[in-house]
C-alpha atoms as a PDB file:
ATOM      1  CA  MET A   1     262.746  28.228 170.633  1.00  0.00           C
ATOM      2  CA  THR A   2     262.787  26.718 167.164  1.00  0.00           C
ATOM      3  CA  GLN A   3     265.420  29.142 165.911  1.00  0.00           C
ATOM      4  CA  PRO A   4     268.540  27.367 164.596  1.00  0.00           C
ATOM      5  CA  VAL A   5     271.640  27.357 166.772  1.00  0.00           C
ATOM      6  CA  THR A   6     274.652  29.299 165.592  1.00  0.00           C
ATOM      7  CA  ARG A   7     276.435  26.339 163.984  1.00  0.00           C
ATOM      8  CA  PRO A   8     274.075  23.545 162.968  1.00  0.00           C
ATOM      9  CA  ILE A   9     275.460  20.135 162.042  1.00  0.00           C
ATOM     10  CA  ASP A  10     276.033  20.179 158.291  1.00  0.00           C
ATOM     11  CA  ASP A  11     274.277  17.745 155.968  1.00  0.00           C
ATOM     12  CA  ALA A  12     277.382  15.724 155.126  1.00  0.00           C
ATOM     13  CA  ALA A  13     278.274  15.109 158.763  1.00  0.00           C
ATOM     14  CA  TYR A  14     274.723  14.146 159.700  1.00  0.00           C
ATOM     15  CA  ARG A  15     274.379  11.773 156.737  1.00  0.00           C
ATOM     16  CA  ALA A  16     277.692  10.185 157.694  1.00  0.00           C
ATOM     17  CA  LEU A  17     276.443   9.687 161.248  1.00  0.00           C
ATOM     18  CA  LEU A  18     273.245   8.054 159.986  1.00  0.00           C
ATOM     19  CA  ASP A  19     275.214   5.827 157.613  1.00  0.00           C
ATOM     20  CA  VAL A  20     277.525   4.608 160.372  1.00  0.00           C
ATOM     21  CA  ARG A  21     274.518   3.938 162.576  1.00  0.00           C
ATOM     22  CA  ALA A  22     272.948   1.765 159.845  1.00  0.00           C
ATOM     23  CA  ARG A  23     276.008  -0.003 158.454  1.00  0.00           C
ATOM     24  CA  GLN A  24     278.629  -0.187 161.230  1.00  0.00           C
ATOM     25  CA  PRO A  25     277.161  -0.972 164.651  1.00  0.00           C
ATOM     26  CA  GLU A  26     280.618  -2.131 165.761  1.00  0.00           C
ATOM     27  CA  ALA A  27     281.796   1.472 165.396  1.00  0.00           C
ATOM     28  CA  VAL A  28     280.082   2.300 168.689  1.00  0.00           C
ATOM     29  CA  ALA A  29     282.357   0.000 170.704  1.00  0.00           C
ATOM     30  CA  GLU A  30     285.359   1.286 168.772  1.00  0.00           C
ATOM     31  CA  ALA A  31     284.429   4.879 169.584  1.00  0.00           C
ATOM     32  CA  TYR A  32     284.100   4.113 173.289  1.00  0.00           C
ATOM     33  CA  SER A  33     287.525   2.464 173.292  1.00  0.00           C
ATOM     34  CA  ALA A  34     289.144   5.335 171.426  1.00  0.00           C
ATOM     35  CA  ARG A  35     287.836   8.058 173.753  1.00  0.00           C
ATOM     36  CA  ARG A  36     290.594   9.795 175.657  1.00  0.00           C
ATOM     37  CA  ARG A  37     289.617  10.172 179.318  1.00  0.00           C
ATOM     38  CA  ARG A  38     290.776  12.954 181.558  1.00  0.00           C
ATOM     39  CA  PRO A  39     292.566  11.964 184.775  1.00  0.00           C
ATOM     40  CA  GLU A  40     290.286  13.670 187.321  1.00  0.00           C
ATOM     41  CA  LEU A  41     286.656  14.622 187.677  1.00  0.00           C
ATOM     42  CA  LEU A  42     287.283  18.125 188.985  1.00  0.00           C
ATOM     43  CA  GLY A  43     288.889  20.815 186.883  1.00  0.00           C
ATOM     44  CA  GLU A  44     291.945  22.772 187.941  1.00  0.00           C
ATOM     45  CA  ASP A  45     289.748  25.233 189.832  1.00  0.00           C
ATOM     46  CA  GLY A  46     288.078  22.439 191.809  1.00  0.00           C
ATOM     47  CA  THR A  47     284.739  22.643 189.994  1.00  0.00           C
ATOM     48  CA  LEU A  48     282.716  20.403 187.683  1.00  0.00           C
ATOM     49  CA  PHE A  49     280.379  21.790 185.017  1.00  0.00           C
ATOM     50  CA  LEU A  50     278.334  19.246 183.054  1.00  0.00           C
ATOM     51  CA  VAL A  51     275.637  19.581 180.404  1.00  0.00           C
ATOM     52  CA  ALA A  52     272.765  17.107 180.708  1.00  0.00           C
ATOM     53  CA  ALA A  53     270.842  15.461 177.892  1.00  0.00           C
ATOM     54  CA  ASP A  54     269.045  12.491 179.423  1.00  0.00           C
ATOM     55  CA  HIS A  55     265.521  13.954 179.413  1.00  0.00           C
ATOM     56  CA  PRO A  56     264.332  12.446 176.088  1.00  0.00           C
ATOM     57  CA  ALA A  57     264.874   8.874 177.309  1.00  0.00           C
ATOM     58  CA  ARG A  58     262.037   9.205 179.820  1.00  0.00           C
ATOM     59  CA  GLY A  59     259.809  11.120 177.417  1.00  0.00           C
ATOM     60  CA  ALA A  60     260.427  14.578 178.887  1.00  0.00           C
ATOM     61  CA  LEU A  61     260.610  16.514 175.625  1.00  0.00           C
ATOM     62  CA  ALA A  62     258.811  19.790 176.331  1.00  0.00           C
ATOM     63  CA  ILE A  63     260.331  23.256 176.644  1.00  0.00           C
ATOM     64  CA  HIS A  64     257.737  25.805 177.752  1.00  0.00           C
ATOM     65  CA  ASP A  65     254.811  25.526 175.309  1.00  0.00           C
ATOM     66  CA  GLU A  66     256.624  23.341 172.769  1.00  0.00           C
ATOM     67  CA  PRO A  67     255.805  19.725 173.691  1.00  0.00           C
ATOM     68  CA  LEU A  68     258.355  18.174 171.300  1.00  0.00           C
ATOM     69  CA  ALA A  69     261.162  20.723 171.527  1.00  0.00           C
ATOM     70  CA  MET A  70     263.794  18.112 172.447  1.00  0.00           C
ATOM     71  CA  ALA A  71     262.548  15.507 169.962  1.00  0.00           C
ATOM     72  CA  ASP A  72     264.638  16.832 167.043  1.00  0.00           C
ATOM     73  CA  ARG A  73     267.822  14.795 167.531  1.00  0.00           C
ATOM     74  CA  ARG A  74     269.867  16.707 164.962  1.00  0.00           C
ATOM     75  CA  GLY A  75     269.006  19.961 166.690  1.00  0.00           C
ATOM     76  CA  LEU A  76     269.759  18.537 170.135  1.00  0.00           C
ATOM     77  CA  LEU A  77     273.140  17.280 168.960  1.00  0.00           C
ATOM     78  CA  ALA A  78     273.977  20.668 167.473  1.00  0.00           C
ATOM     79  CA  ARG A  79     273.189  22.335 170.776  1.00  0.00           C
ATOM     80  CA  LEU A  80     275.319  19.816 172.644  1.00  0.00           C
ATOM     81  CA  VAL A  81     278.230  20.354 170.267  1.00  0.00           C
ATOM     82  CA  ALA A  82     277.977  24.099 170.888  1.00  0.00           C
ATOM     83  CA  ALA A  83     277.897  23.620 174.672  1.00  0.00           C
ATOM     84  CA  LEU A  84     280.745  21.096 174.783  1.00  0.00           C
ATOM     85  CA  ALA A  85     282.921  23.427 172.719  1.00  0.00           C
ATOM     86  CA  HIS A  86     282.984  25.957 175.561  1.00  0.00           C
ATOM     87  CA  PRO A  87     286.242  25.529 177.506  1.00  0.00           C
ATOM     88  CA  ALA A  88     284.449  25.840 180.862  1.00  0.00           C
ATOM     89  CA  VAL A  89     282.253  22.800 180.196  1.00  0.00           C
ATOM     90  CA  ASP A  90     283.855  19.736 181.741  1.00  0.00           C
ATOM     91  CA  GLY A  91     281.634  17.108 180.243  1.00  0.00           C
ATOM     92  CA  LEU A  92     278.323  15.424 179.596  1.00  0.00           C
ATOM     93  CA  LEU A  93     275.553  13.565 181.406  1.00  0.00           C
ATOM     94  CA  ALA A  94     273.469  11.490 178.996  1.00  0.00           C
ATOM     95  CA  THR A  95     271.907   8.163 178.068  1.00  0.00           C
ATOM     96  CA  PRO A  96     273.711   5.677 175.789  1.00  0.00           C
ATOM     97  CA  ASP A  97     272.041   6.839 172.567  1.00  0.00           C
ATOM     98  CA  VAL A  98     273.140  10.464 173.045  1.00  0.00           C
ATOM     99  CA  VAL A  99     276.647   9.595 174.236  1.00  0.00           C
ATOM    100  CA  GLU A 100     277.077   7.280 171.259  1.00  0.00           C
ATOM    101  CA  ASP A 101     275.699   9.835 168.791  1.00  0.00           C
ATOM    102  CA  LEU A 102     278.349  12.295 169.973  1.00  0.00           C
ATOM    103  CA  LEU A 103     281.116   9.687 169.902  1.00  0.00           C
ATOM    104  CA  LEU A 104     280.188   8.680 166.354  1.00  0.00           C
ATOM    105  CA  LEU A 105     279.727  12.257 165.213  1.00  0.00           C
ATOM    106  CA  GLY A 106     283.221  12.995 166.464  1.00  0.00           C
ATOM    107  CA  ALA A 107     284.559   9.969 164.617  1.00  0.00           C
ATOM    108  CA  VAL A 108     282.977  10.827 161.260  1.00  0.00           C
ATOM    109  CA  THR A 109     284.057  14.482 161.430  1.00  0.00           C
ATOM    110  CA  GLY A 110     287.536  13.800 162.775  1.00  0.00           C
ATOM    111  CA  ARG A 111     286.871  16.095 165.753  1.00  0.00           C
ATOM    112  CA  PRO A 112     286.421  13.969 168.883  1.00  0.00           C
ATOM    113  CA  LEU A 113     283.765  15.739 170.931  1.00  0.00           C
ATOM    114  CA  LEU A 114     284.148  13.820 174.193  1.00  0.00           C
ATOM    115  CA  ASP A 115     287.916  13.444 174.389  1.00  0.00           C
ATOM    116  CA  GLY A 116     289.231  14.894 177.638  1.00  0.00           C
ATOM    117  CA  LYS A 117     285.676  15.329 178.918  1.00  0.00           C
ATOM    118  CA  VAL A 118     283.968  13.782 181.913  1.00  0.00           C
ATOM    119  CA  VAL A 119     281.163  11.488 180.730  1.00  0.00           C
ATOM    120  CA  ILE A 120     278.480  10.378 183.187  1.00  0.00           C
ATOM    121  CA  GLY A 121     276.024   7.732 182.037  1.00  0.00           C
ATOM    122  CA  SER A 122     272.354   8.123 182.958  1.00  0.00           C
ATOM    123  CA  MET A 123     271.003   4.896 184.433  1.00  0.00           C
ATOM    124  CA  ASN A 124     267.314   4.815 185.442  1.00  0.00           C
ATOM    125  CA  ARG A 125     264.951   6.306 182.864  1.00  0.00           C
ATOM    126  CA  GLY A 126     262.026   3.917 183.250  1.00  0.00           C
ATOM    127  CA  GLY A 127     259.947   6.323 185.325  1.00  0.00           C
ATOM    128  CA  LEU A 128     258.417   7.863 182.227  1.00  0.00           C
ATOM    129  CA  ALA A 129     257.264  11.459 182.569  1.00  0.00           C
ATOM    130  CA  GLY A 130     253.557  11.535 183.370  1.00  0.00           C
ATOM    131  CA  ALA A 131     253.190   7.764 183.766  1.00  0.00           C
ATOM    132  CA  ARG A 132     251.123   6.331 186.627  1.00  0.00           C
ATOM    133  CA  TRP A 133     254.200   4.373 187.738  1.00  0.00           C
ATOM    134  CA  GLU A 134     256.537   7.374 187.391  1.00  0.00           C
ATOM    135  CA  LEU A 135     258.180   6.992 190.805  1.00  0.00           C
ATOM    136  CA  ASP A 136     258.841   3.278 190.221  1.00  0.00           C
ATOM    137  CA  ASP A 137     261.916   4.131 188.184  1.00  0.00           C
ATOM    138  CA  PRO A 138     263.691   0.992 186.899  1.00  0.00           C
ATOM    139  CA  PHE A 139     267.183   1.067 185.437  1.00  0.00           C
ATOM    140  CA  THR A 140     266.670   0.989 181.683  1.00  0.00           C
ATOM    141  CA  ALA A 141     269.837   2.659 180.368  1.00  0.00           C
ATOM    142  CA  TYR A 142     273.443   2.237 181.553  1.00  0.00           C
ATOM    143  CA  ASP A 143     274.298  -0.088 184.422  1.00  0.00           C
ATOM    144  CA  ALA A 144     277.491  -0.160 186.495  1.00  0.00           C
ATOM    145  CA  ALA A 145     279.036  -2.931 184.405  1.00  0.00           C
ATOM    146  CA  SER A 146     278.568  -1.089 181.098  1.00  0.00           C
ATOM    147  CA  ILE A 147     279.800   2.181 182.595  1.00  0.00           C
ATOM    148  CA  ALA A 148     283.001   0.442 183.661  1.00  0.00           C
ATOM    149  CA  ALA A 149     283.354  -1.481 180.382  1.00  0.00           C
ATOM    150  CA  HIS A 150     282.941   1.655 178.272  1.00  0.00           C
ATOM    151  CA  GLY A 151     285.363   3.709 180.343  1.00  0.00           C
ATOM    152  CA  LEU A 152     282.809   6.249 181.518  1.00  0.00           C
ATOM    153  CA  ASP A 153     283.479   8.313 184.624  1.00  0.00           C
ATOM    154  CA  GLY A 154     280.351   7.540 186.567  1.00  0.00           C
ATOM    155  CA  GLY A 155     276.629   6.898 186.591  1.00  0.00           C
ATOM    156  CA  LYS A 156     273.697   9.086 187.510  1.00  0.00           C
ATOM    157  CA  MET A 157     270.448   7.910 189.045  1.00  0.00           C
ATOM    158  CA  LEU A 158     267.190   9.689 189.841  1.00  0.00           C
ATOM    159  CA  LEU A 159     265.688   8.954 193.266  1.00  0.00           C
ATOM    160  CA  ARG A 160     262.192  10.377 193.684  1.00  0.00           C
ATOM    161  CA  LEU A 161     260.733   9.911 197.151  1.00  0.00           C
ATOM    162  CA  ASP A 162     257.040   9.910 198.080  1.00  0.00           C
ATOM    163  CA  ASN A 163     255.873   8.352 201.351  1.00  0.00           C
ATOM    164  CA  HIS A 164     252.498   7.593 199.777  1.00  0.00           C
ATOM    165  CA  ASP A 165     253.744   5.996 196.530  1.00  0.00           C
ATOM    166  CA  ALA A 166     254.846   2.356 196.734  1.00  0.00           C
ATOM    167  CA  GLY A 167     256.983   2.859 193.640  1.00  0.00           C
ATOM    168  CA  THR A 168     259.503   4.647 195.832  1.00  0.00           C
ATOM    169  CA  LEU A 169     260.693   1.445 197.513  1.00  0.00           C
ATOM    170  CA  PRO A 170     261.945  -0.527 194.465  1.00  0.00           C
ATOM    171  CA  THR A 171     263.650   2.601 193.167  1.00  0.00           C
ATOM    172  CA  LEU A 172     265.316   3.157 196.534  1.00  0.00           C
ATOM    173  CA  ALA A 173     266.600  -0.417 196.599  1.00  0.00           C
ATOM    174  CA  ALA A 174     267.815  -0.277 192.985  1.00  0.00           C
ATOM    175  CA  CYS A 175     269.680   2.982 193.596  1.00  0.00           C
ATOM    176  CA  SER A 176     271.329   1.488 196.671  1.00  0.00           C
ATOM    177  CA  ARG A 177     272.608  -1.455 194.608  1.00  0.00           C
ATOM    178  CA  ALA A 178     273.832   0.865 191.876  1.00  0.00           C
ATOM    179  CA  VAL A 179     275.765   3.034 194.349  1.00  0.00           C
ATOM    180  CA  SER A 180     277.552  -0.065 195.669  1.00  0.00           C
ATOM    181  CA  GLU A 181     278.248  -1.445 192.187  1.00  0.00           C
ATOM    182  CA  LEU A 182     279.627   1.840 190.879  1.00  0.00           C
ATOM    183  CA  ALA A 183     281.841   2.203 193.945  1.00  0.00           C
ATOM    184  CA  ALA A 184     283.223  -1.292 193.338  1.00  0.00           C
ATOM    185  CA  CYS A 185     284.239  -0.082 189.859  1.00  0.00           C
ATOM    186  CA  GLY A 186     285.778   3.112 191.237  1.00  0.00           C
ATOM    187  CA  ALA A 187     283.190   5.202 189.362  1.00  0.00           C
ATOM    188  CA  MET A 188     281.224   8.203 190.591  1.00  0.00           C
ATOM    189  CA  ALA A 189     277.664   7.487 191.733  1.00  0.00           C
ATOM    190  CA  MET A 190     275.648  10.650 191.153  1.00  0.00           C
ATOM    191  CA  VAL A 191     272.349  10.469 193.036  1.00  0.00           C
ATOM    192  CA  GLU A 192     269.591  13.006 192.389  1.00  0.00           C
ATOM    193  CA  PRO A 193     267.262  12.820 195.439  1.00  0.00           C
ATOM    194  CA  LEU A 194     263.969  14.642 194.991  1.00  0.00           C
ATOM    195  CA  PRO A 195     260.912  14.594 197.277  1.00  0.00           C
ATOM    196  CA  TYR A 196     257.629  14.275 195.414  1.00  0.00           C
ATOM    197  CA  THR A 197     253.946  14.580 196.175  1.00  0.00           C
ATOM    198  CA  LYS A 198     250.742  14.311 194.150  1.00  0.00           C
ATOM    199  CA  ASP A 199     248.640  17.151 192.787  1.00  0.00           C
ATOM    200  CA  ALA A 200     244.835  17.156 192.709  1.00  0.00           C
ATOM    201  CA  ALA A 201     244.840  15.110 189.513  1.00  0.00           C
ATOM    202  CA  GLY A 202     247.161  12.497 190.994  1.00  0.00           C
ATOM    203  CA  HIS A 203     250.221  13.522 188.992  1.00  0.00           C
ATOM    204  CA  ALA A 204     253.661  13.437 190.602  1.00  0.00           C
ATOM    205  CA  VAL A 205     255.035  16.915 191.319  1.00  0.00           C
ATOM    206  CA  LEU A 206     258.239  18.066 192.958  1.00  0.00           C
ATOM    207  CA  ASP A 207     257.907  19.042 196.615  1.00  0.00           C
ATOM    208  CA  ARG A 208     260.080  22.147 197.018  1.00  0.00           C
ATOM    209  CA  ASN A 209     259.667  22.300 200.787  1.00  0.00           C
ATOM    210  CA  PRO A 210     263.196  22.764 202.226  1.00  0.00           C
ATOM    211  CA  ALA A 211     262.637  20.208 204.990  1.00  0.00           C
ATOM    212  CA  ALA A 212     261.572  17.598 202.443  1.00  0.00           C
ATOM    213  CA  LEU A 213     264.638  18.328 200.303  1.00  0.00           C
ATOM    214  CA  VAL A 214     266.947  18.038 203.315  1.00  0.00           C
ATOM    215  CA  ARG A 215     265.355  14.713 204.218  1.00  0.00           C
ATOM    216  CA  ALA A 216     265.816  13.448 200.654  1.00  0.00           C
ATOM    217  CA  ALA A 217     269.489  14.428 200.681  1.00  0.00           C
ATOM    218  CA  THR A 218     270.147  12.562 203.919  1.00  0.00           C
ATOM    219  CA  ILE A 219     268.462   9.435 202.575  1.00  0.00           C
ATOM    220  CA  ALA A 220     270.529   9.548 199.366  1.00  0.00           C
ATOM    221  CA  ALA A 221     273.771  10.055 201.272  1.00  0.00           C
ATOM    222  CA  GLY A 222     273.231   6.801 203.161  1.00  0.00           C
ATOM    223  CA  LEU A 223     272.657   4.558 200.131  1.00  0.00           C
ATOM    224  CA  GLY A 224     274.949   1.655 199.322  1.00  0.00           C
ATOM    225  CA  ASN A 225     277.680  -0.154 201.213  1.00  0.00           C
ATOM    226  CA  THR A 226     280.031   2.819 200.912  1.00  0.00           C
ATOM    227  CA  SER A 227     279.642   6.533 200.206  1.00  0.00           C
ATOM    228  CA  ALA A 228     283.227   6.886 198.968  1.00  0.00           C
ATOM    229  CA  TYR A 229     282.207   7.602 195.365  1.00  0.00           C
ATOM    230  CA  THR A 230     278.793   9.188 195.953  1.00  0.00           C
ATOM    231  CA  TRP A 231     277.950  12.694 194.760  1.00  0.00           C
ATOM    232  CA  LEU A 232     274.588  14.398 195.163  1.00  0.00           C
ATOM    233  CA  LYS A 233     272.728  16.334 192.467  1.00  0.00           C
ATOM    234  CA  LEU A 234     270.556  18.916 194.221  1.00  0.00           C
ATOM    235  CA  PRO A 235     268.002  21.518 193.125  1.00  0.00           C
ATOM    236  CA  ALA A 236     268.887  25.183 193.531  1.00  0.00           C
ATOM    237  CA  ILE A 237     266.335  26.654 195.915  1.00  0.00           C
ATOM    238  CA  ALA A 238     266.525  29.669 198.194  1.00  0.00           C
ATOM    239  CA  GLU A 239     267.316  27.345 201.115  1.00  0.00           C
ATOM    240  CA  ALA A 240     269.973  25.394 199.203  1.00  0.00           C
ATOM    241  CA  ALA A 241     272.492  26.019 201.999  1.00  0.00           C
ATOM    242  CA  GLU A 242     270.417  23.853 204.342  1.00  0.00           C
ATOM    243  CA  VAL A 243     270.154  21.083 201.766  1.00  0.00           C
ATOM    244  CA  ALA A 244     273.883  21.103 200.930  1.00  0.00           C
ATOM    245  CA  ALA A 245     274.787  21.160 204.623  1.00  0.00           C
ATOM    246  CA  ALA A 246     272.899  17.907 205.226  1.00  0.00           C
ATOM    247  CA  SER A 247     275.932  15.879 204.094  1.00  0.00           C
ATOM    248  CA  THR A 248     279.683  16.158 203.574  1.00  0.00           C
ATOM    249  CA  LEU A 249     279.311  14.548 200.155  1.00  0.00           C
ATOM    250  CA  PRO A 250     280.265  16.692 197.158  1.00  0.00           C
ATOM    251  CA  SER A 251     277.231  18.004 195.339  1.00  0.00           C
ATOM    252  CA  LEU A 252     276.277  19.569 192.041  1.00  0.00           C
ATOM    253  CA  LEU A 253     273.338  21.874 191.368  1.00  0.00           C
ATOM    254  CA  LEU A 254     270.805  20.763 188.814  1.00  0.00           C
ATOM    255  CA  GLY A 255     269.551  23.382 186.430  1.00  0.00           C
ATOM    256  CA  GLY A 256     266.038  22.037 185.938  1.00  0.00           C
ATOM    257  CA  ALA A 257     263.522  23.330 183.425  1.00  0.00           C
ATOM    258  CA  PRO A 258     264.330  26.812 182.083  1.00  0.00           C
ATOM    259  CA  SER A 259     262.271  29.801 183.130  1.00  0.00           C
ATOM    260  CA  ARG A 260     261.245  32.536 180.725  1.00  0.00           C
ATOM    261  CA  ASP A 261     263.991  34.751 182.142  1.00  0.00           C
ATOM    262  CA  PRO A 262     267.542  33.282 182.004  1.00  0.00           C
ATOM    263  CA  ALA A 263     268.719  35.839 184.570  1.00  0.00           C
ATOM    264  CA  GLU A 264     266.281  34.331 187.062  1.00  0.00           C
ATOM    265  CA  ASP A 265     267.755  30.872 186.475  1.00  0.00           C
ATOM    266  CA  LEU A 266     271.269  32.154 187.082  1.00  0.00           C
ATOM    267  CA  GLN A 267     270.235  34.150 190.137  1.00  0.00           C
ATOM    268  CA  ALA A 268     268.701  31.030 191.686  1.00  0.00           C
ATOM    269  CA  TRP A 269     271.985  29.138 191.295  1.00  0.00           C
ATOM    270  CA  GLY A 270     274.305  31.881 192.544  1.00  0.00           C
ATOM    271  CA  ALA A 271     273.878  31.654 196.312  1.00  0.00           C
ATOM    272  CA  ALA A 272     273.911  27.865 196.383  1.00  0.00           C
ATOM    273  CA  LEU A 273     277.126  27.707 194.349  1.00  0.00           C
ATOM    274  CA  ARG A 274     278.923  29.523 197.152  1.00  0.00           C
ATOM    275  CA  ARG A 275     278.406  26.616 199.546  1.00  0.00           C
ATOM    276  CA  PRO A 276     281.681  24.690 200.113  1.00  0.00           C
ATOM    277  CA  GLU A 277     279.903  21.357 199.564  1.00  0.00           C
ATOM    278  CA  VAL A 278     278.711  22.452 196.121  1.00  0.00           C
ATOM    279  CA  ARG A 279     281.286  21.777 193.426  1.00  0.00           C
ATOM    280  CA  GLY A 280     279.499  22.857 190.287  1.00  0.00           C
ATOM    281  CA  LEU A 281     276.550  22.552 187.937  1.00  0.00           C
ATOM    282  CA  VAL A 282     274.674  19.959 185.909  1.00  0.00           C
ATOM    283  CA  VAL A 283     272.437  21.879 183.540  1.00  0.00           C
ATOM    284  CA  GLY A 284     270.435  20.674 180.562  1.00  0.00           C
ATOM    285  CA  ARG A 285     267.433  22.424 179.100  1.00  0.00           C
ATOM    286  CA  ALA A 286     268.136  25.807 180.684  1.00  0.00           C
ATOM    287  CA  LEU A 287     271.404  26.066 178.720  1.00  0.00           C
ATOM    288  CA  LEU A 288     270.627  23.965 175.655  1.00  0.00           C
ATOM    289  CA  TYR A 289     267.308  25.702 174.915  1.00  0.00           C
ATOM    290  CA  PRO A 290     267.642  29.372 175.917  1.00  0.00           C
ATOM    291  CA  ALA A 291     264.934  31.692 174.661  1.00  0.00           C
ATOM    292  CA  ASP A 292     267.275  33.381 172.172  1.00  0.00           C
ATOM    293  CA  ALA A 293     268.759  30.038 170.970  1.00  0.00           C
ATOM    294  CA  ASP A 294     272.280  31.305 171.756  1.00  0.00           C
ATOM    295  CA  VAL A 295     273.661  28.233 173.498  1.00  0.00           C
ATOM    296  CA  ALA A 296     277.214  29.570 173.686  1.00  0.00           C
ATOM    297  CA  ALA A 297     276.080  32.748 175.437  1.00  0.00           C
ATOM    298  CA  ALA A 298     273.956  30.819 177.948  1.00  0.00           C
ATOM    299  CA  VAL A 299     276.840  28.467 178.744  1.00  0.00           C
ATOM    300  CA  GLY A 300     279.212  31.403 179.086  1.00  0.00           C
ATOM    301  CA  ALA A 301     276.926  33.173 181.551  1.00  0.00           C
ATOM    302  CA  ALA A 302     276.653  30.038 183.700  1.00  0.00           C
ATOM    303  CA  ALA A 303     280.426  29.536 183.595  1.00  0.00           C
ATOM    304  CA  ARG A 304     281.024  33.107 184.754  1.00  0.00           C
ATOM    305  CA  LEU A 305     278.562  32.644 187.583  1.00  0.00           C
ATOM    306  CA  LEU A 306     280.285  29.450 188.720  1.00  0.00           C
ATOM    307  CA  ARG A 307     283.701  31.110 188.600  1.00  0.00           C
ATOM    308  CA  THR A 308     282.478  34.153 190.548  1.00  0.00           C
ATOM    309  CA  ALA A 309     280.687  32.075 193.172  1.00  0.00           C
ATOM    310  CA  ARG A 310     283.669  29.847 193.842  1.00  0.00           C
ATOM    311  CA  SER A 311     285.957  32.850 194.256  1.00  0.00           C
ATOM    312  CA  ASP A 312     283.553  34.492 196.731  1.00  0.00           C
ATOM    313  CA  PRO A 313     282.403  31.837 199.219  1.00  0.00           C
ATOM    314  CA  PRO A 314     279.961  32.726 202.016  1.00  0.00           C
ATOM    315  CA  ARG A 315     281.227  33.722 205.428  1.00  0.00           C
ATOM    316  CA  GLN A 316     280.955  31.035 208.075  1.00  0.00           C
ATOM    317  CA  GLY A 317     277.427  30.824 209.375  1.00  0.00           C
ATOM    318  CA  GLY A 318     276.059  33.098 206.672  1.00  0.00           C
ATOM    319  CA  THR A 319     274.638  32.867 203.210  1.00  0.00           C
ATOM    320  CA  ALA A 320     275.298  34.809 200.092  1.00  0.00           C
ATOM    321  CA  THR A 321     273.038  35.902 197.305  1.00  0.00           C
ATOM    322  CA  ALA A 322     273.757  36.586 193.686  1.00  0.00           C
ATOM    323  CA  THR A 323     272.559  39.807 192.172  1.00  0.00           C
ATOM    324  CA  ARG A 324     271.396  40.307 188.619  1.00  0.00           C
ATOM    325  CA  THR A 325     274.484  42.453 188.061  1.00  0.00           C
ATOM    326  CA  GLU A 326     276.776  39.539 188.967  1.00  0.00           C
ATOM    327  CA  VAL A 327     275.083  37.045 186.701  1.00  0.00           C
ATOM    328  CA  ALA A 328     274.988  39.430 183.754  1.00  0.00           C
ATOM    329  CA  GLN A 329     278.697  40.162 183.815  1.00  0.00           C
END
């Protein structure tokens, strides 16, 4: 996991980034203003493929047995540069610090990294990983006003639901306000609804029961005073068809934490990507930190899977599964 990526950020570029950070804080606003937006969220093939890098802001830094794998910012940026360079990647989901690092890095190297890309700002990161208040998830990063002011394409919020955790209610209310505020700006509201429960030690853990996931999706779909700009970010489970079918809203599959076998990750996404409601992928650690450190190859495999799935939708009333042969091609 600690192997270097194919093209690390060179010393001169990284020093320039650090120097701008220290000496020219106004360069951040200039970089936002200079970013060239693309006219539509969806690509020409009707899909959306985003890489995610908002995990560090809530202290989720581990990859497998490396607790601080995502803590090396230079390494994370290098992996993001490699992923964003792939033509199939439509854009980025990240917190302000990461978005601004990439904007500034593009400015100091003369190679704008986020021009023509979709950029979604991550909003609520206050539910720190492992904290006792984890499900009380306040908005500590972007808000709707800053997303609009900076010309971003939308905002993403995490909505974890647990009937026995009072922290769910303030998060639910805050997400509802954010959906309405983003819609008023004409910006996408990406809601990630996840049912949670507690383990024996009292720690919050994802409830992968299909019925619970369906319920979470229906709750998220009804947030705010309009659903016109709402998208759902849903986990890829074997019963993903049921979850996606719970709403007409467009949805994206989240990649989640990587397994030891990348083919297993891809296989899990394949069937769900064939659902007509599912428009693409939002994947972070599974693509940025593959076991062999080959980010470009991992991104390419996911892009091929998305292309294959969208060209081979399931028959009405049925489901489709992806084979290891399909995902390896």
